[in-house]
Amino acid sequence: MSTGHPVPRHGAIGFAGATISVLVGTLAASVSFRYFLLYIYFVPLIVADLIVAVVLAMRSGLMAQAGRGMLIGLLSVPLAPAVIWFCYLASS
């Protein structure tokens, strides 16, 4: 049953997806900051998150919102270690 109202491209579901992806990326970066080899254990988690995000983004409606939010949130994966490293260098 369709109400005839189009689903907006971005919304609360996308924000929730981005928030969870940022949490996963930042957690992986902060936990494995001192021990670079720990990133090996987080790579499968990040790849699984990426695959789910791409599959959801190709859907329609609210699922697509969540997928796009997750893809935006995955930007934190390469940015979080860089920010943490910069702050560490600035404080020492």
N, C-alpha and C. Protein backbone atom coordinates (compact mmCIF):
# COMPACT_ATOMS: atom_id res chain seq x y z
N MET A 1 0.83 -1.18 0.00
CA MET A 1 0.00 0.00 0.00
C MET A 1 0.87 1.24 0.00
N SER A 2 0.72 2.01 -0.99
CA SER A 2 1.48 3.24 -1.09
C SER A 2 0.56 4.42 -0.81
N THR A 3 1.07 5.37 -0.05
CA THR A 3 0.28 6.55 0.27
C THR A 3 0.45 7.63 -0.77
N GLY A 4 1.37 7.44 -1.71
CA GLY A 4 1.59 8.43 -2.74
C GLY A 4 2.61 9.47 -2.36
N HIS A 5 3.12 9.41 -1.13
CA HIS A 5 4.14 10.37 -0.70
C HIS A 5 5.51 9.77 -0.95
N PRO A 6 6.36 10.49 -1.68
CA PRO A 6 7.71 9.95 -1.91
C PRO A 6 8.53 10.00 -0.62
N VAL A 7 9.39 9.02 -0.46
CA VAL A 7 10.28 8.98 0.70
C VAL A 7 11.43 9.95 0.44
N PRO A 8 11.73 10.85 1.40
CA PRO A 8 12.83 11.79 1.19
C PRO A 8 14.17 11.05 1.07
N ARG A 9 15.09 11.66 0.37
CA ARG A 9 16.39 11.03 0.13
C ARG A 9 17.19 10.87 1.42
N HIS A 10 17.09 11.81 2.32
CA HIS A 10 17.81 11.75 3.59
C HIS A 10 16.82 11.97 4.71
N GLY A 11 17.06 11.33 5.84
CA GLY A 11 16.15 11.46 6.97
C GLY A 11 16.75 10.88 8.23
N ALA A 12 15.90 10.62 9.20
CA ALA A 12 16.34 10.11 10.50
C ALA A 12 16.97 8.73 10.40
N ILE A 13 16.46 7.90 9.52
CA ILE A 13 17.03 6.56 9.35
C ILE A 13 18.46 6.65 8.83
N GLY A 14 18.70 7.53 7.89
CA GLY A 14 20.06 7.74 7.37
C GLY A 14 21.00 8.28 8.43
N PHE A 15 20.47 9.16 9.28
CA PHE A 15 21.28 9.70 10.37
C PHE A 15 21.66 8.60 11.34
N ALA A 16 20.73 7.71 11.64
CA ALA A 16 21.01 6.59 12.54
C ALA A 16 22.06 5.65 11.92
N GLY A 17 21.94 5.40 10.62
CA GLY A 17 22.93 4.56 9.94
C GLY A 17 24.32 5.19 9.96
N ALA A 18 24.38 6.49 9.73
CA ALA A 18 25.67 7.20 9.76
C ALA A 18 26.25 7.17 11.17
N THR A 19 25.42 7.35 12.18
CA THR A 19 25.89 7.35 13.56
C THR A 19 26.49 6.00 13.93
N ILE A 20 25.84 4.93 13.54
CA ILE A 20 26.35 3.60 13.86
C ILE A 20 27.65 3.33 13.12
N SER A 21 27.74 3.74 11.86
CA SER A 21 28.98 3.55 11.10
C SER A 21 30.13 4.37 11.67
N VAL A 22 29.85 5.57 12.11
CA VAL A 22 30.88 6.40 12.73
C VAL A 22 31.34 5.74 14.03
N LEU A 23 30.40 5.19 14.80
CA LEU A 23 30.76 4.51 16.03
C LEU A 23 31.69 3.33 15.75
N VAL A 24 31.36 2.53 14.75
CA VAL A 24 32.19 1.38 14.41
C VAL A 24 33.58 1.84 13.95
N GLY A 25 33.65 2.83 13.08
CA GLY A 25 34.93 3.31 12.58
C GLY A 25 35.79 3.94 13.65
N THR A 26 35.20 4.75 14.49
CA THR A 26 35.95 5.42 15.54
C THR A 26 36.39 4.43 16.61
N LEU A 27 35.53 3.48 16.91
CA LEU A 27 35.91 2.44 17.88
C LEU A 27 37.10 1.64 17.37
N ALA A 28 37.05 1.26 16.10
CA ALA A 28 38.17 0.51 15.52
C ALA A 28 39.45 1.33 15.54
N ALA A 29 39.35 2.61 15.26
CA ALA A 29 40.54 3.46 15.23
C ALA A 29 41.10 3.69 16.63
N SER A 30 40.25 3.93 17.60
CA SER A 30 40.74 4.24 18.94
C SER A 30 41.26 3.02 19.67
N VAL A 31 40.65 1.86 19.45
CA VAL A 31 41.10 0.65 20.12
C VAL A 31 42.45 0.22 19.57
N SER A 32 42.63 0.32 18.29
CA SER A 32 43.87 -0.17 17.67
C SER A 32 44.86 0.95 17.38
N PHE A 33 44.75 2.06 18.06
CA PHE A 33 45.62 3.20 17.81
C PHE A 33 47.09 2.86 18.11
N ARG A 34 47.34 2.31 19.26
CA ARG A 34 48.72 2.04 19.65
C ARG A 34 49.30 0.81 18.95
N TYR A 35 48.46 -0.12 18.58
CA TYR A 35 48.93 -1.37 17.99
C TYR A 35 48.37 -1.48 16.58
N PHE A 36 49.16 -1.09 15.60
CA PHE A 36 48.71 -1.02 14.22
C PHE A 36 48.24 -2.38 13.70
N LEU A 37 48.81 -3.46 14.18
CA LEU A 37 48.42 -4.79 13.70
C LEU A 37 47.00 -5.17 14.10
N LEU A 38 46.43 -4.48 15.07
CA LEU A 38 45.03 -4.76 15.44
C LEU A 38 44.06 -4.35 14.33
N TYR A 39 44.50 -3.48 13.42
CA TYR A 39 43.63 -3.11 12.31
C TYR A 39 43.26 -4.32 11.47
N ILE A 40 44.12 -5.33 11.46
CA ILE A 40 43.83 -6.54 10.70
C ILE A 40 42.53 -7.19 11.19
N TYR A 41 42.28 -7.11 12.49
CA TYR A 41 41.07 -7.71 13.04
C TYR A 41 39.82 -6.88 12.75
N PHE A 42 39.99 -5.59 12.53
CA PHE A 42 38.85 -4.74 12.27
C PHE A 42 38.50 -4.63 10.78
N VAL A 43 39.40 -5.02 9.91
CA VAL A 43 39.15 -4.94 8.47
C VAL A 43 37.91 -5.74 8.06
N PRO A 44 37.74 -7.01 8.52
CA PRO A 44 36.52 -7.73 8.12
C PRO A 44 35.24 -7.04 8.59
N LEU A 45 35.27 -6.44 9.77
CA LEU A 45 34.10 -5.72 10.27
C LEU A 45 33.77 -4.52 9.40
N ILE A 46 34.79 -3.78 8.99
CA ILE A 46 34.59 -2.60 8.16
C ILE A 46 34.14 -3.00 6.76
N VAL A 47 34.72 -4.08 6.22
CA VAL A 47 34.32 -4.55 4.89
C VAL A 47 32.87 -5.05 4.91
N ALA A 48 32.49 -5.75 5.96
CA ALA A 48 31.09 -6.21 6.08
C ALA A 48 30.15 -5.01 6.16
N ASP A 49 30.54 -3.99 6.91
CA ASP A 49 29.73 -2.77 7.01
C ASP A 49 29.60 -2.10 5.65
N LEU A 50 30.68 -2.07 4.89
CA LEU A 50 30.66 -1.48 3.55
C LEU A 50 29.74 -2.26 2.61
N ILE A 51 29.81 -3.58 2.65
CA ILE A 51 28.97 -4.40 1.78
C ILE A 51 27.50 -4.20 2.11
N VAL A 52 27.17 -4.21 3.40
CA VAL A 52 25.77 -3.99 3.80
C VAL A 52 25.31 -2.60 3.37
N ALA A 53 26.17 -1.59 3.51
CA ALA A 53 25.80 -0.22 3.13
C ALA A 53 25.52 -0.12 1.64
N VAL A 54 26.36 -0.75 0.82
CA VAL A 54 26.16 -0.69 -0.63
C VAL A 54 24.87 -1.40 -1.03
N VAL A 55 24.62 -2.57 -0.44
CA VAL A 55 23.41 -3.31 -0.76
C VAL A 55 22.17 -2.51 -0.36
N LEU A 56 22.20 -1.91 0.82
CA LEU A 56 21.05 -1.12 1.26
C LEU A 56 20.87 0.14 0.43
N ALA A 57 21.96 0.76 0.01
CA ALA A 57 21.86 1.99 -0.79
C ALA A 57 21.25 1.72 -2.16
N MET A 58 21.36 0.50 -2.66
CA MET A 58 20.78 0.17 -3.95
C MET A 58 19.28 -0.13 -3.85
N ARG A 59 18.78 -0.28 -2.65
CA ARG A 59 17.34 -0.52 -2.45
C ARG A 59 16.59 0.80 -2.59
N SER A 60 15.33 0.77 -2.25
CA SER A 60 14.54 2.00 -2.32
C SER A 60 13.91 2.27 -0.96
N GLY A 61 13.49 3.49 -0.77
CA GLY A 61 12.78 3.87 0.45
C GLY A 61 13.70 4.05 1.64
N LEU A 62 13.21 3.59 2.79
CA LEU A 62 13.94 3.78 4.04
C LEU A 62 15.24 2.97 4.07
N MET A 63 15.25 1.83 3.40
CA MET A 63 16.47 1.03 3.36
C MET A 63 17.58 1.78 2.63
N ALA A 64 17.23 2.48 1.57
CA ALA A 64 18.21 3.28 0.84
C ALA A 64 18.74 4.42 1.71
N GLN A 65 17.86 5.02 2.50
CA GLN A 65 18.31 6.07 3.42
C GLN A 65 19.35 5.53 4.39
N ALA A 66 19.08 4.36 4.95
CA ALA A 66 20.01 3.76 5.90
C ALA A 66 21.34 3.44 5.21
N GLY A 67 21.29 2.92 4.00
CA GLY A 67 22.51 2.59 3.27
C GLY A 67 23.34 3.82 2.95
N ARG A 68 22.68 4.89 2.51
CA ARG A 68 23.43 6.13 2.23
C ARG A 68 24.04 6.70 3.50
N GLY A 69 23.30 6.62 4.60
CA GLY A 69 23.84 7.09 5.88
C GLY A 69 25.04 6.27 6.31
N MET A 70 24.97 4.96 6.10
CA MET A 70 26.11 4.12 6.45
C MET A 70 27.32 4.44 5.58
N LEU A 71 27.10 4.70 4.30
CA LEU A 71 28.21 5.06 3.41
C LEU A 71 28.86 6.38 3.83
N ILE A 72 28.03 7.34 4.23
CA ILE A 72 28.57 8.61 4.72
C ILE A 72 29.34 8.39 6.01
N GLY A 73 28.80 7.56 6.88
CA GLY A 73 29.47 7.27 8.14
C GLY A 73 30.78 6.54 7.97
N LEU A 74 30.92 5.77 6.90
CA LEU A 74 32.16 5.04 6.67
C LEU A 74 33.32 5.97 6.32
N LEU A 75 33.04 7.23 6.07
CA LEU A 75 34.13 8.19 5.87
C LEU A 75 34.96 8.34 7.14
N SER A 76 34.38 8.00 8.28
CA SER A 76 35.12 8.12 9.53
C SER A 76 36.22 7.08 9.66
N VAL A 77 36.15 6.00 8.89
CA VAL A 77 37.16 4.95 9.02
C VAL A 77 38.56 5.48 8.69
N PRO A 78 38.78 6.14 7.55
CA PRO A 78 40.13 6.66 7.32
C PRO A 78 40.40 7.98 8.06
N LEU A 79 39.36 8.71 8.40
CA LEU A 79 39.58 10.01 9.04
C LEU A 79 39.88 9.89 10.53
N ALA A 80 39.27 8.93 11.22
CA ALA A 80 39.46 8.81 12.66
C ALA A 80 40.91 8.54 13.05
N PRO A 81 41.61 7.59 12.42
CA PRO A 81 43.02 7.40 12.81
C PRO A 81 43.87 8.65 12.53
N ALA A 82 43.57 9.35 11.45
CA ALA A 82 44.35 10.55 11.14
C ALA A 82 44.14 11.63 12.21
N VAL A 83 42.92 11.81 12.65
CA VAL A 83 42.63 12.81 13.68
C VAL A 83 43.24 12.40 15.01
N ILE A 84 43.11 11.12 15.37
CA ILE A 84 43.68 10.64 16.62
C ILE A 84 45.20 10.81 16.60
N TRP A 85 45.83 10.46 15.49
CA TRP A 85 47.28 10.58 15.38
C TRP A 85 47.72 12.05 15.46
N PHE A 86 46.98 12.94 14.80
CA PHE A 86 47.30 14.36 14.85
C PHE A 86 47.20 14.89 16.29
N CYS A 87 46.14 14.53 16.98
CA CYS A 87 45.98 14.98 18.37
C CYS A 87 47.07 14.42 19.27
N TYR A 88 47.45 13.18 19.03
CA TYR A 88 48.53 12.57 19.82
C TYR A 88 49.83 13.33 19.59
N LEU A 89 50.14 13.64 18.33
CA LEU A 89 51.37 14.38 18.04
C LEU A 89 51.32 15.80 18.59
N ALA A 90 50.16 16.42 18.55
CA ALA A 90 50.03 17.78 19.05
C ALA A 90 50.18 17.85 20.57
N SER A 91 49.78 16.78 21.26
CA SER A 91 49.84 16.82 22.71
C SER A 91 51.22 16.44 23.26
N SER A 92 52.06 15.83 22.41
CA SER A 92 53.38 15.43 22.93
C SER A 92 54.48 16.35 22.46
